[in-house]
Amino acid sequence: MNVEVEFPPNVLAADCPSRAVLKHLTSQWGVLVMFALQDGTLRFSALRRRVGGVSERMLAQTLQALEGDGLVLRVAHPVVPPHVEYSLTVLGAEAAELVGALGRWIEANLPQMQAARAVRG
């Protein structure tokens, strides 16, 4: 008999599944995809243009991970050529607002952080 014991989520615990979600959401590309999708539904190519510097492969992997976590919705329309759209789920919109707040804080405080970097050399 295989009985799995559930423990309360604890992101600091090495074996907690919340770590995988945290990794997906707060990765460089995960955060930027969430920012980009806050403005609404985008097709893959439009999302890639919006998130400067991301490779096609990395964007596909990031979207797959965020979709797996229930944060991004992928809708494939049955047309030729394929038409796939990505948007935030309700849960994803909530997460995007939180990472968006962090992004806005970074942008607002970037001059002080750059000055601190310059002092350290």
PDB file of N, CA and C in Angstrom:
ATOM      1  N   MET A   1       0.848  -1.184   0.000  1.00  0.00           N
ATOM      2  CA  MET A   1       0.000   0.000   0.000  1.00  0.00           C
ATOM      3  C   MET A   1       0.885   1.236   0.000  1.00  0.00           C
ATOM      4  N   ASN A   2       0.707   2.088  -0.997  1.00  0.00           N
ATOM      5  CA  ASN A   2       1.512   3.292  -1.145  1.00  0.00           C
ATOM      6  C   ASN A   2       0.691   4.490  -0.700  1.00  0.00           C
ATOM      7  N   VAL A   3       0.967   4.986   0.482  1.00  0.00           N
ATOM      8  CA  VAL A   3       0.238   6.128   1.019  1.00  0.00           C
ATOM      9  C   VAL A   3       1.177   7.320   1.053  1.00  0.00           C
ATOM     10  N   GLU A   4       0.785   8.379   0.360  1.00  0.00           N
ATOM     11  CA  GLU A   4       1.595   9.586   0.339  1.00  0.00           C
ATOM     12  C   GLU A   4       1.107  10.527   1.429  1.00  0.00           C
ATOM     13  N   VAL A   5       2.026  10.935   2.275  1.00  0.00           N
ATOM     14  CA  VAL A   5       1.687  11.838   3.367  1.00  0.00           C
ATOM     15  C   VAL A   5       1.840  13.264   2.864  1.00  0.00           C
ATOM     16  N   GLU A   6       0.811  14.071   3.033  1.00  0.00           N
ATOM     17  CA  GLU A   6       0.847  15.463   2.589  1.00  0.00           C
ATOM     18  C   GLU A   6       1.309  16.353   3.744  1.00  0.00           C
ATOM     19  N   PHE A   7       2.187  17.266   3.413  1.00  0.00           N
ATOM     20  CA  PHE A   7       2.664  18.245   4.376  1.00  0.00           C
ATOM     21  C   PHE A   7       2.248  19.621   3.900  1.00  0.00           C
ATOM     22  N   PRO A   8       2.125  20.561   4.806  1.00  0.00           N
ATOM     23  CA  PRO A   8       1.791  21.919   4.354  1.00  0.00           C
ATOM     24  C   PRO A   8       2.907  22.458   3.458  1.00  0.00           C
ATOM     25  N   PRO A   9       2.543  23.252   2.435  1.00  0.00           N
ATOM     26  CA  PRO A   9       3.566  23.812   1.552  1.00  0.00           C
ATOM     27  C   PRO A   9       4.602  24.613   2.333  1.00  0.00           C
ATOM     28  N   ASN A  10       5.858  24.407   1.980  1.00  0.00           N
ATOM     29  CA  ASN A  10       6.957  25.120   2.624  1.00  0.00           C
ATOM     30  C   ASN A  10       8.053  25.315   1.580  1.00  0.00           C
ATOM     31  N   VAL A  11       8.094  26.482   0.986  1.00  0.00           N
ATOM     32  CA  VAL A  11       9.028  26.758  -0.101  1.00  0.00           C
ATOM     33  C   VAL A  11      10.483  26.629   0.346  1.00  0.00           C
ATOM     34  N   LEU A  12      10.747  26.686   1.629  1.00  0.00           N
ATOM     35  CA  LEU A  12      12.114  26.548   2.124  1.00  0.00           C
ATOM     36  C   LEU A  12      12.543  25.086   2.243  1.00  0.00           C
ATOM     37  N   ALA A  13      11.591  24.161   2.197  1.00  0.00           N
ATOM     38  CA  ALA A  13      11.910  22.737   2.282  1.00  0.00           C
ATOM     39  C   ALA A  13      12.363  22.240   0.915  1.00  0.00           C
ATOM     40  N   ALA A  14      13.483  21.541   0.892  1.00  0.00           N
ATOM     41  CA  ALA A  14      14.084  21.099  -0.361  1.00  0.00           C
ATOM     42  C   ALA A  14      13.157  20.228  -1.200  1.00  0.00           C
ATOM     43  N   ASP A  15      12.313  19.438  -0.578  1.00  0.00           N
ATOM     44  CA  ASP A  15      11.466  18.506  -1.320  1.00  0.00           C
ATOM     45  C   ASP A  15      10.038  19.004  -1.539  1.00  0.00           C
ATOM     46  N   CYS A  16       9.788  20.270  -1.249  1.00  0.00           N
ATOM     47  CA  CYS A  16       8.437  20.813  -1.425  1.00  0.00           C
ATOM     48  C   CYS A  16       8.167  21.108  -2.906  1.00  0.00           C
ATOM     49  N   PRO A  17       7.035  20.643  -3.441  1.00  0.00           N
ATOM     50  CA  PRO A  17       6.698  20.897  -4.846  1.00  0.00           C
ATOM     51  C   PRO A  17       6.558  22.383  -5.185  1.00  0.00           C
ATOM     52  N   SER A  18       6.386  23.225  -4.172  1.00  0.00           N
ATOM     53  CA  SER A  18       6.272  24.660  -4.438  1.00  0.00           C
ATOM     54  C   SER A  18       7.559  25.218  -5.034  1.00  0.00           C
ATOM     55  N   ARG A  19       8.673  24.533  -4.798  1.00  0.00           N
ATOM     56  CA  ARG A  19       9.949  24.992  -5.345  1.00  0.00           C
ATOM     57  C   ARG A  19       9.943  24.991  -6.869  1.00  0.00           C
ATOM     58  N   ALA A  20       9.317  23.991  -7.469  1.00  0.00           N
ATOM     59  CA  ALA A  20       9.267  23.925  -8.934  1.00  0.00           C
ATOM     60  C   ALA A  20       8.466  25.100  -9.493  1.00  0.00           C
ATOM     61  N   VAL A  21       7.346  25.407  -8.859  1.00  0.00           N
ATOM     62  CA  VAL A  21       6.521  26.541  -9.302  1.00  0.00           C
ATOM     63  C   VAL A  21       7.315  27.836  -9.133  1.00  0.00           C
ATOM     64  N   LEU A  22       7.973  27.991  -8.010  1.00  0.00           N
ATOM     65  CA  LEU A  22       8.786  29.183  -7.765  1.00  0.00           C
ATOM     66  C   LEU A  22       9.870  29.322  -8.832  1.00  0.00           C
ATOM     67  N   LYS A  23      10.499  28.216  -9.187  1.00  0.00           N
ATOM     68  CA  LYS A  23      11.543  28.235 -10.205  1.00  0.00           C
ATOM     69  C   LYS A  23      10.979  28.675 -11.557  1.00  0.00           C
ATOM     70  N   HIS A  24       9.832  28.141 -11.940  1.00  0.00           N
ATOM     71  CA  HIS A  24       9.222  28.489 -13.227  1.00  0.00           C
ATOM     72  C   HIS A  24       8.805  29.957 -13.256  1.00  0.00           C
ATOM     73  N   LEU A  25       8.152  30.379 -12.185  1.00  0.00           N
ATOM     74  CA  LEU A  25       7.590  31.725 -12.131  1.00  0.00           C
ATOM     75  C   LEU A  25       8.658  32.804 -12.030  1.00  0.00           C
ATOM     76  N   THR A  26       9.719  32.533 -11.282  1.00  0.00           N
ATOM     77  CA  THR A  26      10.717  33.570 -11.041  1.00  0.00           C
ATOM     78  C   THR A  26      11.968  33.427 -11.901  1.00  0.00           C
ATOM     79  N   SER A  27      11.940  32.504 -12.853  1.00  0.00           N
ATOM     80  CA  SER A  27      13.072  32.430 -13.773  1.00  0.00           C
ATOM     81  C   SER A  27      13.084  33.723 -14.589  1.00  0.00           C
ATOM     82  N   GLN A  28      14.213  34.015 -15.186  1.00  0.00           N
ATOM     83  CA  GLN A  28      14.329  35.235 -15.992  1.00  0.00           C
ATOM     84  C   GLN A  28      13.206  35.322 -17.017  1.00  0.00           C
ATOM     85  N   TRP A  29      12.983  34.243 -17.755  1.00  0.00           N
ATOM     86  CA  TRP A  29      11.989  34.275 -18.815  1.00  0.00           C
ATOM     87  C   TRP A  29      10.582  34.131 -18.271  1.00  0.00           C
ATOM     88  N   GLY A  30      10.407  33.401 -17.184  1.00  0.00           N
ATOM     89  CA  GLY A  30       9.081  33.249 -16.579  1.00  0.00           C
ATOM     90  C   GLY A  30       8.505  34.586 -16.147  1.00  0.00           C
ATOM     91  N   VAL A  31       9.315  35.370 -15.469  1.00  0.00           N
ATOM     92  CA  VAL A  31       8.879  36.693 -15.018  1.00  0.00           C
ATOM     93  C   VAL A  31       8.518  37.566 -16.215  1.00  0.00           C
ATOM     94  N   LEU A  32       9.355  37.556 -17.238  1.00  0.00           N
ATOM     95  CA  LEU A  32       9.119  38.422 -18.390  1.00  0.00           C
ATOM     96  C   LEU A  32       7.896  37.993 -19.196  1.00  0.00           C
ATOM     97  N   VAL A  33       7.674  36.695 -19.307  1.00  0.00           N
ATOM     98  CA  VAL A  33       6.465  36.205 -19.983  1.00  0.00           C
ATOM     99  C   VAL A  33       5.226  36.635 -19.212  1.00  0.00           C
ATOM    100  N   MET A  34       5.286  36.539 -17.900  1.00  0.00           N
ATOM    101  CA  MET A  34       4.142  36.955 -17.076  1.00  0.00           C
ATOM    102  C   MET A  34       3.880  38.448 -17.258  1.00  0.00           C
ATOM    103  N   PHE A  35       4.944  39.267 -17.271  1.00  0.00           N
ATOM    104  CA  PHE A  35       4.788  40.707 -17.520  1.00  0.00           C
ATOM    105  C   PHE A  35       4.097  40.935 -18.856  1.00  0.00           C
ATOM    106  N   ALA A  36       4.611  40.273 -19.890  1.00  0.00           N
ATOM    107  CA  ALA A  36       4.101  40.486 -21.247  1.00  0.00           C
ATOM    108  C   ALA A  36       2.641  40.088 -21.378  1.00  0.00           C
ATOM    109  N   LEU A  37       2.248  39.017 -20.730  1.00  0.00           N
ATOM    110  CA  LEU A  37       0.870  38.539 -20.857  1.00  0.00           C
ATOM    111  C   LEU A  37      -0.118  39.328 -19.997  1.00  0.00           C
ATOM    112  N   GLN A  38       0.386  40.187 -19.130  1.00  0.00           N
ATOM    113  CA  GLN A  38      -0.522  41.022 -18.330  1.00  0.00           C
ATOM    114  C   GLN A  38      -1.366  41.935 -19.213  1.00  0.00           C
ATOM    115  N   ASP A  39      -0.849  42.290 -20.369  1.00  0.00           N
ATOM    116  CA  ASP A  39      -1.573  43.192 -21.269  1.00  0.00           C
ATOM    117  C   ASP A  39      -2.600  42.477 -22.126  1.00  0.00           C
ATOM    118  N   GLY A  40      -2.647  41.150 -22.052  1.00  0.00           N
ATOM    119  CA  GLY A  40      -3.649  40.403 -22.809  1.00  0.00           C
ATOM    120  C   GLY A  40      -3.064  39.243 -23.585  1.00  0.00           C
ATOM    121  N   THR A  41      -3.922  38.584 -24.315  1.00  0.00           N
ATOM    122  CA  THR A  41      -3.587  37.399 -25.095  1.00  0.00           C
ATOM    123  C   THR A  41      -2.613  37.737 -26.222  1.00  0.00           C
ATOM    124  N   LEU A  42      -1.618  36.864 -26.402  1.00  0.00           N
ATOM    125  CA  LEU A  42      -0.636  37.049 -27.467  1.00  0.00           C
ATOM    126  C   LEU A  42      -0.365  35.725 -28.160  1.00  0.00           C
ATOM    127  N   ARG A  43      -0.101  35.812 -29.459  1.00  0.00           N
ATOM    128  CA  ARG A  43       0.375  34.649 -30.192  1.00  0.00           C
ATOM    129  C   ARG A  43       1.856  34.474 -29.887  1.00  0.00           C
ATOM    130  N   PHE A  44       2.364  33.266 -30.169  1.00  0.00           N
ATOM    131  CA  PHE A  44       3.753  32.938 -29.857  1.00  0.00           C
ATOM    132  C   PHE A  44       4.726  33.961 -30.434  1.00  0.00           C
ATOM    133  N   SER A  45       4.589  34.274 -31.712  1.00  0.00           N
ATOM    134  CA  SER A  45       5.532  35.193 -32.367  1.00  0.00           C
ATOM    135  C   SER A  45       5.463  36.598 -31.770  1.00  0.00           C
ATOM    136  N   ALA A  46       4.264  37.050 -31.430  1.00  0.00           N
ATOM    137  CA  ALA A  46       4.111  38.370 -30.811  1.00  0.00           C
ATOM    138  C   ALA A  46       4.723  38.377 -29.409  1.00  0.00           C
ATOM    139  N   LEU A  47       4.547  37.287 -28.697  1.00  0.00           N
ATOM    140  CA  LEU A  47       5.113  37.167 -27.346  1.00  0.00           C
ATOM    141  C   LEU A  47       6.640  37.161 -27.427  1.00  0.00           C
ATOM    142  N   ARG A  48       7.175  36.462 -28.413  1.00  0.00           N
ATOM    143  CA  ARG A  48       8.633  36.422 -28.583  1.00  0.00           C
ATOM    144  C   ARG A  48       9.186  37.810 -28.899  1.00  0.00           C
ATOM    145  N   ARG A  49       8.489  38.563 -29.733  1.00  0.00           N
ATOM    146  CA  ARG A  49       8.930  39.936 -30.028  1.00  0.00           C
ATOM    147  C   ARG A  49       8.851  40.811 -28.783  1.00  0.00           C
ATOM    148  N   ARG A  50       7.833  40.602 -27.998  1.00  0.00           N
ATOM    149  CA  ARG A  50       7.605  41.430 -26.792  1.00  0.00           C
ATOM    150  C   ARG A  50       8.670  41.166 -25.734  1.00  0.00           C
ATOM    151  N   VAL A  51       9.085  39.909 -25.602  1.00  0.00           N
ATOM    152  CA  VAL A  51      10.096  39.535 -24.609  1.00  0.00           C
ATOM    153  C   VAL A  51      11.453  39.503 -25.313  1.00  0.00           C
ATOM    154  N   GLY A  52      12.087  40.639 -25.376  1.00  0.00           N
ATOM    155  CA  GLY A  52      13.343  40.764 -26.099  1.00  0.00           C
ATOM    156  C   GLY A  52      14.420  39.819 -25.601  1.00  0.00           C
ATOM    157  N   GLY A  53      15.093  39.160 -26.568  1.00  0.00           N
ATOM    158  CA  GLY A  53      16.239  38.331 -26.231  1.00  0.00           C
ATOM    159  C   GLY A  53      15.947  36.862 -25.974  1.00  0.00           C
ATOM    160  N   VAL A  54      14.686  36.479 -25.885  1.00  0.00           N
ATOM    161  CA  VAL A  54      14.361  35.082 -25.603  1.00  0.00           C
ATOM    162  C   VAL A  54      14.411  34.274 -26.896  1.00  0.00           C
ATOM    163  N   SER A  55      15.014  33.096 -26.832  1.00  0.00           N
ATOM    164  CA  SER A  55      15.049  32.220 -28.001  1.00  0.00           C
ATOM    165  C   SER A  55      13.699  31.516 -28.142  1.00  0.00           C
ATOM    166  N   GLU A  56      13.448  31.018 -29.328  1.00  0.00           N
ATOM    167  CA  GLU A  56      12.203  30.302 -29.582  1.00  0.00           C
ATOM    168  C   GLU A  56      12.081  29.089 -28.660  1.00  0.00           C
ATOM    169  N   ARG A  57      13.171  28.362 -28.527  1.00  0.00           N
ATOM    170  CA  ARG A  57      13.175  27.163 -27.681  1.00  0.00           C
ATOM    171  C   ARG A  57      12.914  27.500 -26.206  1.00  0.00           C
ATOM    172  N   MET A  58      13.590  28.530 -25.717  1.00  0.00           N
ATOM    173  CA  MET A  58      13.433  28.908 -24.311  1.00  0.00           C
ATOM    174  C   MET A  58      12.022  29.425 -24.031  1.00  0.00           C
ATOM    175  N   LEU A  59      11.466  30.175 -24.973  1.00  0.00           N
ATOM    176  CA  LEU A  59      10.097  30.660 -24.801  1.00  0.00           C
ATOM    177  C   LEU A  59       9.124  29.484 -24.765  1.00  0.00           C
ATOM    178  N   ALA A  60       9.311  28.523 -25.660  1.00  0.00           N
ATOM    179  CA  ALA A  60       8.434  27.347 -25.686  1.00  0.00           C
ATOM    180  C   ALA A  60       8.526  26.577 -24.370  1.00  0.00           C
ATOM    181  N   GLN A  61       9.736  26.386 -23.852  1.00  0.00           N
ATOM    182  CA  GLN A  61       9.920  25.674 -22.580  1.00  0.00           C
ATOM    183  C   GLN A  61       9.292  26.444 -21.421  1.00  0.00           C
ATOM    184  N   THR A  62       9.469  27.750 -21.424  1.00  0.00           N
ATOM    185  CA  THR A  62       8.917  28.585 -20.356  1.00  0.00           C
ATOM    186  C   THR A  62       7.399  28.536 -20.372  1.00  0.00           C
ATOM    187  N   LEU A  63       6.811  28.673 -21.546  1.00  0.00           N
ATOM    188  CA  LEU A  63       5.349  28.615 -21.666  1.00  0.00           C
ATOM    189  C   LEU A  63       4.813  27.259 -21.237  1.00  0.00           C
ATOM    190  N   GLN A  64       5.520  26.208 -21.597  1.00  0.00           N
ATOM    191  CA  GLN A  64       5.107  24.855 -21.224  1.00  0.00           C
ATOM    192  C   GLN A  64       5.112  24.696 -19.703  1.00  0.00           C
ATOM    193  N   ALA A  65       6.152  25.188 -19.051  1.00  0.00           N
ATOM    194  CA  ALA A  65       6.251  25.090 -17.590  1.00  0.00           C
ATOM    195  C   ALA A  65       5.148  25.905 -16.922  1.00  0.00           C
ATOM    196  N   LEU A  66       4.921  27.126 -17.383  1.00  0.00           N
ATOM    197  CA  LEU A  66       3.894  27.982 -16.784  1.00  0.00           C
ATOM    198  C   LEU A  66       2.492  27.424 -17.046  1.00  0.00           C
ATOM    199  N   GLU A  67       2.304  26.819 -18.199  1.00  0.00           N
ATOM    200  CA  GLU A  67       1.022  26.168 -18.499  1.00  0.00           C
ATOM    201  C   GLU A  67       0.826  24.968 -17.568  1.00  0.00           C
ATOM    202  N   GLY A  68       1.887  24.207 -17.358  1.00  0.00           N
ATOM    203  CA  GLY A  68       1.824  23.059 -16.462  1.00  0.00           C
ATOM    204  C   GLY A  68       1.487  23.429 -15.028  1.00  0.00           C
ATOM    205  N   ASP A  69       1.884  24.623 -14.640  1.00  0.00           N
ATOM    206  CA  ASP A  69       1.590  25.116 -13.286  1.00  0.00           C
ATOM    207  C   ASP A  69       0.218  25.776 -13.186  1.00  0.00           C
ATOM    208  N   GLY A  70      -0.491  25.849 -14.303  1.00  0.00           N
ATOM    209  CA  GLY A  70      -1.823  26.448 -14.288  1.00  0.00           C
ATOM    210  C   GLY A  70      -1.822  27.965 -14.336  1.00  0.00           C
ATOM    211  N   LEU A  71      -0.706  28.557 -14.754  1.00  0.00           N
ATOM    212  CA  LEU A  71      -0.598  30.018 -14.776  1.00  0.00           C
ATOM    213  C   LEU A  71      -0.867  30.605 -16.159  1.00  0.00           C
ATOM    214  N   VAL A  72      -0.623  29.813 -17.194  1.00  0.00           N
ATOM    215  CA  VAL A  72      -0.811  30.254 -18.576  1.00  0.00           C
ATOM    216  C   VAL A  72      -1.757  29.300 -19.278  1.00  0.00           C
ATOM    217  N   LEU A  73      -2.646  29.871 -20.081  1.00  0.00           N
ATOM    218  CA  LEU A  73      -3.585  29.089 -20.876  1.00  0.00           C
ATOM    219  C   LEU A  73      -3.125  29.120 -22.328  1.00  0.00           C
ATOM    220  N   ARG A  74      -3.026  27.943 -22.933  1.00  0.00           N
ATOM    221  CA  ARG A  74      -2.646  27.804 -24.339  1.00  0.00           C
ATOM    222  C   ARG A  74      -3.876  27.362 -25.115  1.00  0.00           C
ATOM    223  N   VAL A  75      -4.226  28.130 -26.133  1.00  0.00           N
ATOM    224  CA  VAL A  75      -5.379  27.785 -26.970  1.00  0.00           C
ATOM    225  C   VAL A  75      -4.880  27.637 -28.404  1.00  0.00           C
ATOM    226  N   ALA A  76      -5.018  26.419 -28.941  1.00  0.00           N
ATOM    227  CA  ALA A  76      -4.622  26.138 -30.321  1.00  0.00           C
ATOM    228  C   ALA A  76      -5.877  26.112 -31.180  1.00  0.00           C
ATOM    229  N   HIS A  77      -5.930  26.995 -32.154  1.00  0.00           N
ATOM    230  CA  HIS A  77      -7.070  27.056 -33.062  1.00  0.00           C
ATOM    231  C   HIS A  77      -6.822  26.100 -34.233  1.00  0.00           C
ATOM    232  N   PRO A  78      -7.817  25.320 -34.611  1.00  0.00           N
ATOM    233  CA  PRO A  78      -7.637  24.317 -35.676  1.00  0.00           C
ATOM    234  C   PRO A  78      -7.670  24.930 -37.078  1.00  0.00           C
ATOM    235  N   VAL A  79      -6.630  25.660 -37.408  1.00  0.00           N
ATOM    236  CA  VAL A  79      -6.518  26.300 -38.714  1.00  0.00           C
ATOM    237  C   VAL A  79      -5.131  26.027 -39.292  1.00  0.00           C
ATOM    238  N   VAL A  80      -4.989  26.267 -40.589  1.00  0.00           N
ATOM    239  CA  VAL A  80      -3.689  26.141 -41.239  1.00  0.00           C
ATOM    240  C   VAL A  80      -3.326  27.512 -41.791  1.00  0.00           C
ATOM    241  N   PRO A  81      -2.169  28.067 -41.442  1.00  0.00           N
ATOM    242  CA  PRO A  81      -1.173  27.526 -40.519  1.00  0.00           C
ATOM    243  C   PRO A  81      -1.665  27.576 -39.075  1.00  0.00           C
ATOM    244  N   PRO A  82      -1.002  26.825 -38.189  1.00  0.00           N
ATOM    245  CA  PRO A  82      -1.441  26.785 -36.783  1.00  0.00           C
ATOM    246  C   PRO A  82      -1.513  28.183 -36.167  1.00  0.00           C
ATOM    247  N   HIS A  83      -2.514  28.385 -35.363  1.00  0.00           N
ATOM    248  CA  HIS A  83      -2.736  29.662 -34.671  1.00  0.00           C
ATOM    249  C   HIS A  83      -2.874  29.332 -33.194  1.00  0.00           C
ATOM    250  N   VAL A  84      -1.856  29.666 -32.417  1.00  0.00           N
ATOM    251  CA  VAL A  84      -1.842  29.362 -30.984  1.00  0.00           C
ATOM    252  C   VAL A  84      -1.764  30.664 -30.218  1.00  0.00           C
ATOM    253  N   GLU A  85      -2.623  30.790 -29.219  1.00  0.00           N
ATOM    254  CA  GLU A  85      -2.650  32.001 -28.392  1.00  0.00           C
ATOM    255  C   GLU A  85      -2.358  31.634 -26.942  1.00  0.00           C
ATOM    256  N   TYR A  86      -1.715  32.561 -26.265  1.00  0.00           N
ATOM    257  CA  TYR A  86      -1.375  32.385 -24.851  1.00  0.00           C
ATOM    258  C   TYR A  86      -1.968  33.530 -24.054  1.00  0.00           C
ATOM    259  N   SER A  87      -2.500  33.189 -22.897  1.00  0.00           N
ATOM    260  CA  SER A  87      -3.040  34.201 -21.990  1.00  0.00           C
ATOM    261  C   SER A  87      -2.849  33.715 -20.564  1.00  0.00           C
ATOM    262  N   LEU A  88      -3.059  34.619 -19.631  1.00  0.00           N
ATOM    263  CA  LEU A  88      -2.958  34.259 -18.211  1.00  0.00           C
ATOM    264  C   LEU A  88      -4.274  33.646 -17.746  1.00  0.00           C
ATOM    265  N   THR A  89      -4.166  32.645 -16.888  1.00  0.00           N
ATOM    266  CA  THR A  89      -5.345  32.127 -16.212  1.00  0.00           C
ATOM    267  C   THR A  89      -5.670  33.094 -15.071  1.00  0.00           C
ATOM    268  N   VAL A  90      -6.737  32.855 -14.363  1.00  0.00           N
ATOM    269  CA  VAL A  90      -7.058  33.695 -13.201  1.00  0.00           C
ATOM    270  C   VAL A  90      -5.918  33.618 -12.189  1.00  0.00           C
ATOM    271  N   LEU A  91      -5.436  32.415 -11.958  1.00  0.00           N
ATOM    272  CA  LEU A  91      -4.313  32.218 -11.038  1.00  0.00           C
ATOM    273  C   LEU A  91      -3.062  32.917 -11.573  1.00  0.00           C
ATOM    274  N   GLY A  92      -2.846  32.818 -12.881  1.00  0.00           N
ATOM    275  CA  GLY A  92      -1.696  33.468 -13.502  1.00  0.00           C
ATOM    276  C   GLY A  92      -1.757  34.980 -13.410  1.00  0.00           C
ATOM    277  N   ALA A  93      -2.955  35.544 -13.568  1.00  0.00           N
ATOM    278  CA  ALA A  93      -3.116  37.002 -13.455  1.00  0.00           C
ATOM    279  C   ALA A  93      -2.764  37.468 -12.045  1.00  0.00           C
ATOM    280  N   GLU A  94      -3.135  36.690 -11.061  1.00  0.00           N
ATOM    281  CA  GLU A  94      -2.800  37.030  -9.665  1.00  0.00           C
ATOM    282  C   GLU A  94      -1.283  36.974  -9.455  1.00  0.00           C
ATOM    283  N   ALA A  95      -0.651  35.923  -9.976  1.00  0.00           N
ATOM    284  CA  ALA A  95       0.800  35.790  -9.858  1.00  0.00           C
ATOM    285  C   ALA A  95       1.504  36.904 -10.630  1.00  0.00           C
ATOM    286  N   ALA A  96       0.997  37.239 -11.815  1.00  0.00           N
ATOM    287  CA  ALA A  96       1.603  38.288 -12.639  1.00  0.00           C
ATOM    288  C   ALA A  96       1.556  39.634 -11.928  1.00  0.00           C
ATOM    289  N   GLU A  97       0.503  39.881 -11.200  1.00  0.00           N
ATOM    290  CA  GLU A  97       0.409  41.138 -10.456  1.00  0.00           C
ATOM    291  C   GLU A  97       1.506  41.205  -9.384  1.00  0.00           C
ATOM    292  N   LEU A  98       1.762  40.068  -8.746  1.00  0.00           N
ATOM    293  CA  LEU A  98       2.793  40.039  -7.703  1.00  0.00           C
ATOM    294  C   LEU A  98       4.190  40.197  -8.284  1.00  0.00           C
ATOM    295  N   VAL A  99       4.502  39.472  -9.351  1.00  0.00           N
ATOM    296  CA  VAL A  99       5.831  39.632  -9.947  1.00  0.00           C
ATOM    297  C   VAL A  99       5.929  40.989 -10.643  1.00  0.00           C
ATOM    298  N   GLY A 100       4.807  41.501 -11.113  1.00  0.00           N
ATOM    299  CA  GLY A 100       4.788  42.839 -11.705  1.00  0.00           C
ATOM    300  C   GLY A 100       5.148  43.902 -10.684  1.00  0.00           C
ATOM    301  N   ALA A 101       4.655  43.730  -9.459  1.00  0.00           N
ATOM    302  CA  ALA A 101       4.997  44.672  -8.377  1.00  0.00           C
ATOM    303  C   ALA A 101       6.497  44.643  -8.115  1.00  0.00           C
ATOM    304  N   LEU A 102       7.087  43.456  -8.138  1.00  0.00           N
ATOM    305  CA  LEU A 102       8.530  43.347  -7.950  1.00  0.00           C
ATOM    306  C   LEU A 102       9.272  44.037  -9.105  1.00  0.00           C
ATOM    307  N   GLY A 103       8.811  43.821 -10.316  1.00  0.00           N
ATOM    308  CA  GLY A 103       9.423  44.468 -11.470  1.00  0.00           C
ATOM    309  C   GLY A 103       9.351  45.982 -11.388  1.00  0.00           C
ATOM    310  N   ARG A 104       8.192  46.496 -10.986  1.00  0.00           N
ATOM    311  CA  ARG A 104       8.035  47.957 -10.852  1.00  0.00           C
ATOM    312  C   ARG A 104       8.948  48.492  -9.753  1.00  0.00           C
ATOM    313  N   TRP A 105       9.100  47.734  -8.672  1.00  0.00           N
ATOM    314  CA  TRP A 105       9.990  48.146  -7.584  1.00  0.00           C
ATOM    315  C   TRP A 105      11.430  48.200  -8.082  1.00  0.00           C
ATOM    316  N   ILE A 106      11.841  47.180  -8.860  1.00  0.00           N
ATOM    317  CA  ILE A 106      13.204  47.161  -9.403  1.00  0.00           C
ATOM    318  C   ILE A 106      13.429  48.364 -10.304  1.00  0.00           C
ATOM    319  N   GLU A 107      12.475  48.633 -11.199  1.00  0.00           N
ATOM    320  CA  GLU A 107      12.617  49.775 -12.101  1.00  0.00           C
ATOM    321  C   GLU A 107      12.705  51.085 -11.331  1.00  0.00           C
ATOM    322  N   ALA A 108      11.902  51.234 -10.290  1.00  0.00           N
ATOM    323  CA  ALA A 108      11.904  52.472  -9.496  1.00  0.00           C
ATOM    324  C   ALA A 108      13.203  52.655  -8.723  1.00  0.00           C
ATOM    325  N   ASN A 109      13.826  51.551  -8.324  1.00  0.00           N
ATOM    326  CA  ASN A 109      15.028  51.623  -7.494  1.00  0.00           C
ATOM    327  C   ASN A 109      16.314  51.293  -8.241  1.00  0.00           C
ATOM    328  N   LEU A 110      16.213  51.123  -9.551  1.00  0.00           N
ATOM    329  CA  LEU A 110      17.382  50.758 -10.348  1.00  0.00           C
ATOM    330  C   LEU A 110      18.539  51.744 -10.211  1.00  0.00           C
ATOM    331  N   PRO A 111      18.295  53.055 -10.196  1.00  0.00           N
ATOM    332  CA  PRO A 111      19.435  53.978 -10.052  1.00  0.00           C
ATOM    333  C   PRO A 111      20.250  53.724  -8.773  1.00  0.00           C
ATOM    334  N   GLN A 112      19.568  53.459  -7.656  1.00  0.00           N
ATOM    335  CA  GLN A 112      20.307  53.197  -6.407  1.00  0.00           C
ATOM    336  C   GLN A 112      21.093  51.892  -6.496  1.00  0.00           C
ATOM    337  N   MET A 113      20.509  50.886  -7.148  1.00  0.00           N
ATOM    338  CA  MET A 113      21.204  49.600  -7.266  1.00  0.00           C
ATOM    339  C   MET A 113      22.401  49.718  -8.202  1.00  0.00           C
ATOM    340  N   GLN A 114      22.253  50.486  -9.276  1.00  0.00           N
ATOM    341  CA  GLN A 114      23.378  50.702 -10.174  1.00  0.00           C
ATOM    342  C   GLN A 114      24.480  51.497  -9.481  1.00  0.00           C
ATOM    343  N   ALA A 115      24.098  52.454  -8.652  1.00  0.00           N
ATOM    344  CA  ALA A 115      25.098  53.227  -7.900  1.00  0.00           C
ATOM    345  C   ALA A 115      25.833  52.332  -6.921  1.00  0.00           C
ATOM    346  N   ALA A 116      25.098  51.433  -6.262  1.00  0.00           N
ATOM    347  CA  ALA A 116      25.745  50.507  -5.325  1.00  0.00           C
ATOM    348  C   ALA A 116      26.732  49.592  -6.057  1.00  0.00           C
ATOM    349  N   ARG A 117      26.357  49.152  -7.250  1.00  0.00           N
ATOM    350  CA  ARG A 117      27.240  48.319  -8.067  1.00  0.00           C
ATOM    351  C   ARG A 117      28.503  49.086  -8.452  1.00  0.00           C
ATOM    352  N   ALA A 118      28.328  50.344  -8.816  1.00  0.00           N
ATOM    353  CA  ALA A 118      29.463  51.169  -9.244  1.00  0.00           C
ATOM    354  C   ALA A 118      30.446  51.362  -8.096  1.00  0.00           C
ATOM    355  N   VAL A 119      29.951  51.515  -6.871  1.00  0.00           N
ATOM    356  CA  VAL A 119      30.801  51.719  -5.697  1.00  0.00           C
ATOM    357  C   VAL A 119      31.629  50.458  -5.434  1.00  0.00           C
ATOM    358  N   ARG A 120      31.011  49.292  -5.630  1.00  0.00           N
ATOM    359  CA  ARG A 120      31.706  48.027  -5.380  1.00  0.00           C
ATOM    360  C   ARG A 120      32.706  47.697  -6.470  1.00  0.00           C
ATOM    361  N   GLY A 121      32.562  48.360  -7.627  1.00  0.00           N
ATOM    362  CA  GLY A 121      33.521  48.174  -8.711  1.00  0.00           C
ATOM    363  C   GLY A 121      33.201  47.021  -9.527  1.00  0.00           C
TER     364      GLY A 121
END
